[in-house]
Amino acid sequence: MSSAIEVKSAAKTNPNINLTLPDSAEKEGSLKTKFSIKNLSAWFGNQQAIRAISMDISEKQVTAIIGPSGCGKSTFIRCLNRMHELVPGTQVEGLVKFDGYNIYDKGVDPVLLRRRVGMVFQKPNPFPTMSVRENVLAGLKLTKSEQIKRAPETVERALQQAALWREVRDRLDEPGAGLSGGQQQRLCIARALAVEPDVLLMDEPCSALDPIATARIEDLIHGLAESYTIIIVTHNMQQAARVSNRTAFFLLGELVEFGKTNQLFTAPKDKRTEDYITGKFG
């Protein structure tokens, strides 16, 4: 169960922010760096989306990326599994190390990278012509994983991890698109988990969901953080406060502030951060 912390300073002026700390609250000195990012910049054609971002992301923690629309949040996380380069005319500069290896080295296979760094998108996107079972196994087939030989066990494990097994275990051969919106999003999470990634990138995974489905996803994030590194983009500051250990505030493509979630929301170091979380812009 999450433990409440005192709301003070800038956050005190915004009664809509109720800060909590996840169960996996960090212990000083015990965290391993999963991503080390130095001077990361990205463009769409001539338009620069992010500018010289430098930050370290810790293993088995939830890191939230907040900021107004168009500030580069989604572009940033798409650079962490090289999905940004799938868009024609894009460019990336800088260094992104994942477990000590530069993901942009010529010898890195982006498909295999994306198996270790999975992604869940804003809108649930199960493959409409595939069954629940086939949706879960889609990533394994794409990467030609040996795990496909253990398909029944993999399907059950992934759906259990996504807190969906009990709801769909008798519907595995029905179309995944026939599930509710919240179930579809958890199916997409199960699809990402089936390939046993190290990291889950979540790009506003609850923005298309109702409050009940959102609460289910947030509970799921708390549980998954015990085993996975999670990076979540969210426009919802309440959500960032509820689920994350650390929060980064982006503005106009730049990283303004990055630190422990409770510190950033209660005692921000930058006036722009304070103005954003108290609703003066955004």
Protein backbone atom coordinates (compact mmCIF):
# COMPACT_ATOMS: atom_id res chain seq x y z
CA MET A 1 0.00 0.00 0.00
CA SER A 2 1.35 3.46 -0.91
CA SER A 3 2.31 5.76 1.94
CA ALA A 4 1.21 9.40 1.84
CA ILE A 5 3.78 12.14 2.30
CA GLU A 6 3.23 15.69 3.38
CA VAL A 7 2.37 18.12 0.61
CA LYS A 8 4.08 21.45 1.06
CA SER A 9 5.79 24.29 -0.79
CA ALA A 10 4.64 24.69 -4.41
CA ALA A 11 2.43 21.63 -4.43
CA LYS A 12 0.51 22.92 -1.42
CA THR A 13 -0.98 25.60 -3.65
CA ASN A 14 -2.46 22.96 -5.94
CA PRO A 15 -5.03 20.88 -4.02
CA ASN A 16 -5.42 18.53 -7.00
CA ILE A 17 -2.01 16.96 -6.37
CA ASN A 18 -1.99 14.25 -3.72
CA LEU A 19 1.51 12.84 -3.50
CA THR A 20 2.23 9.23 -2.65
CA LEU A 21 5.30 7.06 -2.74
CA PRO A 22 5.18 3.66 -4.47
CA ASP A 23 6.03 0.55 -2.48
CA SER A 24 9.29 0.30 -4.39
CA ALA A 25 10.51 3.61 -2.96
CA GLU A 26 14.23 3.82 -3.56
CA LYS A 27 16.96 3.27 -1.04
CA GLU A 28 19.96 5.52 -1.40
CA GLY A 29 23.01 3.85 -2.90
CA SER A 30 21.16 0.68 -3.89
CA LEU A 31 20.12 1.60 -7.43
CA LYS A 32 21.73 0.43 -10.65
CA THR A 33 21.64 2.68 -13.71
CA LYS A 34 19.64 1.15 -16.57
CA PHE A 35 19.87 4.02 -19.05
CA SER A 36 22.62 6.61 -19.12
CA ILE A 37 21.67 9.42 -21.50
CA LYS A 38 24.08 12.18 -22.50
CA ASN A 39 23.26 15.19 -24.71
CA LEU A 40 20.44 13.43 -26.54
CA SER A 41 18.86 15.53 -29.27
CA ALA A 42 16.32 14.53 -31.91
CA TRP A 43 14.74 16.10 -34.97
CA PHE A 44 11.78 15.64 -37.28
CA GLY A 45 13.23 17.03 -40.47
CA ASN A 46 14.43 20.54 -39.60
CA GLN A 47 12.33 20.75 -36.44
CA GLN A 48 14.22 19.92 -33.26
CA ALA A 49 12.03 18.01 -30.80
CA ILE A 50 14.41 17.48 -27.86
CA ARG A 51 17.59 19.35 -26.98
CA ALA A 52 20.67 17.92 -25.26
CA ILE A 53 18.86 15.76 -22.71
CA SER A 54 21.15 14.20 -20.07
CA MET A 55 19.84 11.95 -17.29
CA ASP A 56 20.33 8.53 -15.71
CA ILE A 57 17.36 6.20 -15.28
CA SER A 58 17.55 3.64 -12.49
CA GLU A 59 16.72 -0.05 -12.73
CA LYS A 60 13.42 -1.36 -11.32
CA GLN A 61 12.08 2.10 -10.67
CA VAL A 62 9.19 4.01 -12.20
CA THR A 63 10.32 7.21 -13.90
CA ALA A 64 7.60 9.66 -14.98
CA ILE A 65 8.06 12.18 -17.79
CA ILE A 66 5.75 15.19 -17.45
CA GLY A 67 5.33 18.45 -19.31
CA PRO A 68 2.90 20.29 -21.60
CA SER A 69 1.88 18.92 -24.98
CA GLY A 70 4.56 19.17 -27.65
CA CYS A 71 7.48 19.37 -25.22
CA GLY A 72 9.24 16.23 -26.51
CA LYS A 73 8.13 13.63 -23.96
CA SER A 74 7.07 10.96 -26.46
CA THR A 75 10.00 11.66 -28.77
CA PHE A 76 12.36 11.15 -25.85
CA ILE A 77 11.12 7.69 -24.91
CA ARG A 78 10.93 6.64 -28.57
CA CYS A 79 14.65 7.38 -28.78
CA LEU A 80 15.26 4.84 -25.99
CA ASN A 81 14.26 1.88 -28.18
CA ARG A 82 15.07 3.48 -31.55
CA MET A 83 11.46 3.82 -32.64
CA HIS A 84 12.07 7.48 -33.45
CA GLU A 85 14.15 6.49 -36.46
CA LEU A 86 11.18 4.61 -38.00
CA VAL A 87 9.73 7.99 -39.03
CA PRO A 88 11.22 9.21 -42.35
CA GLY A 89 13.42 12.29 -42.10
CA THR A 90 14.26 11.94 -38.42
CA GLN A 91 17.68 12.36 -36.85
CA VAL A 92 19.20 11.55 -33.45
CA GLU A 93 22.42 12.81 -31.86
CA GLY A 94 23.98 12.06 -28.49
CA LEU A 95 24.67 8.96 -26.42
CA VAL A 96 22.16 6.46 -25.02
CA LYS A 97 23.71 3.64 -23.02
CA PHE A 98 21.52 0.70 -22.02
CA ASP A 99 23.19 -1.58 -19.47
CA GLY A 100 26.45 0.07 -20.50
CA TYR A 101 26.07 -0.43 -24.26
CA ASN A 102 25.46 2.35 -26.78
CA ILE A 103 22.13 1.47 -28.44
CA TYR A 104 23.04 3.52 -31.51
CA ASP A 105 26.19 1.54 -32.32
CA LYS A 106 26.12 0.13 -35.85
CA GLY A 107 26.19 -3.45 -34.57
CA VAL A 108 22.98 -3.10 -32.53
CA ASP A 109 19.90 -4.78 -34.04
CA PRO A 110 16.93 -2.43 -33.35
CA VAL A 111 14.45 -5.34 -33.43
CA LEU A 112 16.31 -7.18 -30.69
CA LEU A 113 16.69 -3.92 -28.74
CA ARG A 114 12.92 -3.43 -28.84
CA ARG A 115 12.49 -6.92 -27.44
CA ARG A 116 14.41 -5.82 -24.34
CA VAL A 117 12.85 -2.35 -24.28
CA GLY A 118 9.13 -2.86 -24.89
CA MET A 119 6.57 -0.17 -25.51
CA VAL A 120 2.91 0.42 -24.69
CA PHE A 121 1.19 3.19 -26.62
CA GLN A 122 -1.37 5.84 -25.77
CA LYS A 123 -4.25 4.12 -27.55
CA PRO A 124 -4.76 0.37 -27.03
CA ASN A 125 -3.68 -1.28 -30.28
CA PRO A 126 -4.32 -5.02 -30.24
CA PHE A 127 -4.07 -6.57 -33.69
CA PRO A 128 -7.75 -6.62 -34.75
CA THR A 129 -7.61 -9.84 -36.77
CA MET A 130 -5.78 -11.78 -34.06
CA SER A 131 -7.17 -13.64 -31.09
CA VAL A 132 -6.20 -12.82 -27.52
CA ARG A 133 -3.70 -15.68 -27.63
CA GLU A 134 -2.21 -14.58 -30.96
CA ASN A 135 -1.88 -10.98 -29.73
CA VAL A 136 0.17 -12.10 -26.74
CA LEU A 137 2.46 -14.21 -28.94
CA ALA A 138 2.88 -11.65 -31.74
CA GLY A 139 6.15 -10.24 -30.42
CA LEU A 140 7.67 -13.68 -29.96
CA LYS A 141 6.90 -14.57 -33.56
CA LEU A 142 8.39 -11.30 -34.79
CA THR A 143 11.69 -11.90 -32.99
CA LYS A 144 11.66 -15.65 -33.77
CA SER A 145 12.09 -16.34 -30.07
CA GLU A 146 12.61 -19.88 -28.81
CA GLN A 147 9.93 -19.09 -26.22
CA ILE A 148 7.32 -19.71 -28.90
CA LYS A 149 7.85 -23.41 -28.22
CA ARG A 150 6.42 -22.79 -24.75
CA ALA A 151 3.47 -20.79 -26.06
CA PRO A 152 0.78 -21.95 -23.60
CA GLU A 153 2.98 -21.23 -20.58
CA THR A 154 4.08 -17.89 -22.06
CA VAL A 155 0.51 -16.77 -22.75
CA GLU A 156 -0.61 -17.59 -19.22
CA ARG A 157 2.45 -15.98 -17.62
CA ALA A 158 2.11 -12.74 -19.60
CA LEU A 159 -1.60 -12.45 -18.98
CA GLN A 160 -1.09 -13.16 -15.27
CA GLN A 161 1.54 -10.41 -15.11
CA ALA A 162 -0.85 -8.04 -16.86
CA ALA A 163 -3.62 -8.91 -14.36
CA LEU A 164 -5.81 -10.15 -17.22
CA TRP A 165 -5.65 -13.94 -17.04
CA ARG A 166 -8.77 -14.47 -14.93
CA GLU A 167 -10.83 -12.26 -17.22
CA VAL A 168 -9.81 -13.85 -20.54
CA ARG A 169 -8.67 -17.41 -19.81
CA ASP A 170 -11.89 -18.73 -21.36
CA ARG A 171 -11.70 -16.26 -24.27
CA LEU A 172 -8.19 -16.88 -25.61
CA ASP A 173 -9.45 -17.69 -29.11
CA GLU A 174 -11.74 -14.67 -29.34
CA PRO A 175 -10.58 -11.47 -31.09
CA GLY A 176 -8.45 -9.21 -28.90
CA ALA A 177 -10.31 -6.21 -30.32
CA GLY A 178 -13.49 -7.54 -28.67
CA LEU A 179 -12.22 -6.73 -25.17
CA SER A 180 -13.04 -3.52 -23.31
CA GLY A 181 -10.68 -0.55 -23.64
CA GLY A 182 -8.96 -1.22 -20.33
CA GLN A 183 -8.65 -4.93 -21.11
CA GLN A 184 -7.20 -4.12 -24.52
CA GLN A 185 -4.53 -1.95 -22.92
CA ARG A 186 -3.64 -4.71 -20.47
CA LEU A 187 -3.51 -7.12 -23.43
CA CYS A 188 -1.00 -4.79 -25.08
CA ILE A 189 1.01 -4.81 -21.85
CA ALA A 190 0.86 -8.63 -21.84
CA ARG A 191 2.10 -8.64 -25.44
CA ALA A 192 5.07 -6.53 -24.40
CA LEU A 193 5.75 -8.71 -21.34
CA ALA A 194 5.60 -11.98 -23.30
CA VAL A 195 9.08 -11.41 -24.75
CA GLU A 196 10.47 -10.88 -21.23
CA PRO A 197 11.82 -7.32 -21.64
CA ASP A 198 13.96 -5.47 -19.14
CA VAL A 199 12.20 -2.13 -19.64
CA LEU A 200 8.64 -1.01 -20.34
CA LEU A 201 8.10 2.35 -22.02
CA MET A 202 4.55 3.62 -21.54
CA ASP A 203 3.37 6.57 -23.63
CA GLU A 204 0.33 8.00 -21.81
CA PRO A 205 -1.13 4.49 -21.38
CA CYS A 206 -4.23 5.69 -19.51
CA SER A 207 -5.23 8.77 -21.50
CA ALA A 208 -7.91 6.89 -23.47
CA LEU A 209 -9.25 4.97 -20.46
CA ASP A 210 -11.98 5.60 -17.89
CA PRO A 211 -11.08 6.13 -14.20
CA ILE A 212 -11.70 2.50 -13.22
CA ALA A 213 -9.50 1.15 -16.02
CA THR A 214 -6.88 3.79 -15.19
CA ALA A 215 -6.77 2.62 -11.57
CA ARG A 216 -6.23 -0.97 -12.75
CA ILE A 217 -3.31 0.08 -14.95
CA GLU A 218 -1.76 2.12 -12.13
CA ASP A 219 -2.05 -0.82 -9.72
CA LEU A 220 -0.43 -2.97 -12.40
CA ILE A 221 2.45 -0.51 -12.75
CA HIS A 222 3.13 -0.71 -9.01
CA GLY A 223 3.34 -4.49 -9.21
CA LEU A 224 5.45 -4.60 -12.38
CA ALA A 225 8.00 -2.15 -10.94
CA GLU A 226 9.27 -4.94 -8.70
CA SER A 227 10.59 -6.74 -11.78
CA TYR A 228 10.86 -4.15 -14.56
CA THR A 229 12.23 -0.69 -15.19
CA ILE A 230 9.26 1.48 -16.23
CA ILE A 231 9.31 4.87 -17.93
CA ILE A 232 5.89 6.48 -18.24
CA VAL A 233 4.93 9.61 -20.15
CA THR A 234 1.88 11.22 -18.61
CA HIS A 235 0.08 14.54 -18.84
CA ASN A 236 -1.58 13.73 -15.51
CA MET A 237 0.48 15.04 -12.60
CA GLN A 238 -1.66 13.16 -10.10
CA GLN A 239 -0.76 9.97 -11.91
CA ALA A 240 2.95 10.81 -11.93
CA ALA A 241 2.75 11.43 -8.18
CA ARG A 242 0.93 8.15 -7.57
CA VAL A 243 3.07 5.77 -9.59
CA SER A 244 6.61 7.10 -9.93
CA ASN A 245 9.79 7.16 -7.88
CA ARG A 246 11.42 9.87 -9.99
CA THR A 247 9.95 12.54 -12.25
CA ALA A 248 11.43 14.54 -15.11
CA PHE A 249 9.85 17.83 -16.23
CA PHE A 250 10.27 18.68 -19.92
CA LEU A 251 9.58 22.07 -21.47
CA LEU A 252 10.11 23.12 -25.10
CA GLY A 253 12.25 20.07 -25.75
CA GLU A 254 14.54 20.63 -22.78
CA LEU A 255 14.90 18.82 -19.48
CA VAL A 256 14.15 21.48 -16.89
CA GLU A 257 14.30 19.38 -13.73
CA PHE A 258 14.73 15.72 -12.75
CA GLY A 259 14.65 14.23 -9.28
CA LYS A 260 12.73 12.25 -6.71
CA THR A 261 9.01 12.64 -7.29
CA ASN A 262 8.24 13.88 -3.78
CA GLN A 263 11.03 16.47 -3.98
CA LEU A 264 10.04 17.71 -7.44
CA PHE A 265 6.40 18.17 -6.48
CA THR A 266 6.93 19.60 -2.99
CA ALA A 267 10.12 21.61 -3.38
CA PRO A 268 10.94 22.16 -7.06
CA LYS A 269 14.30 23.77 -7.71
CA ASP A 270 13.28 25.58 -10.90
CA LYS A 271 10.61 28.30 -11.01
CA ARG A 272 9.31 26.89 -14.31
CA THR A 273 8.64 23.54 -12.63
CA GLU A 274 6.75 25.24 -9.83
CA ASP A 275 4.70 27.27 -12.30
CA TYR A 276 3.78 24.12 -14.25
CA ILE A 277 2.75 21.95 -11.31
CA THR A 278 0.72 24.78 -9.77
CA GLY A 279 -1.19 25.24 -13.03
CA LYS A 280 0.14 28.61 -14.12
CA PHE A 281 0.68 27.19 -17.61
CA GLY A 282 0.38 23.90 -19.44
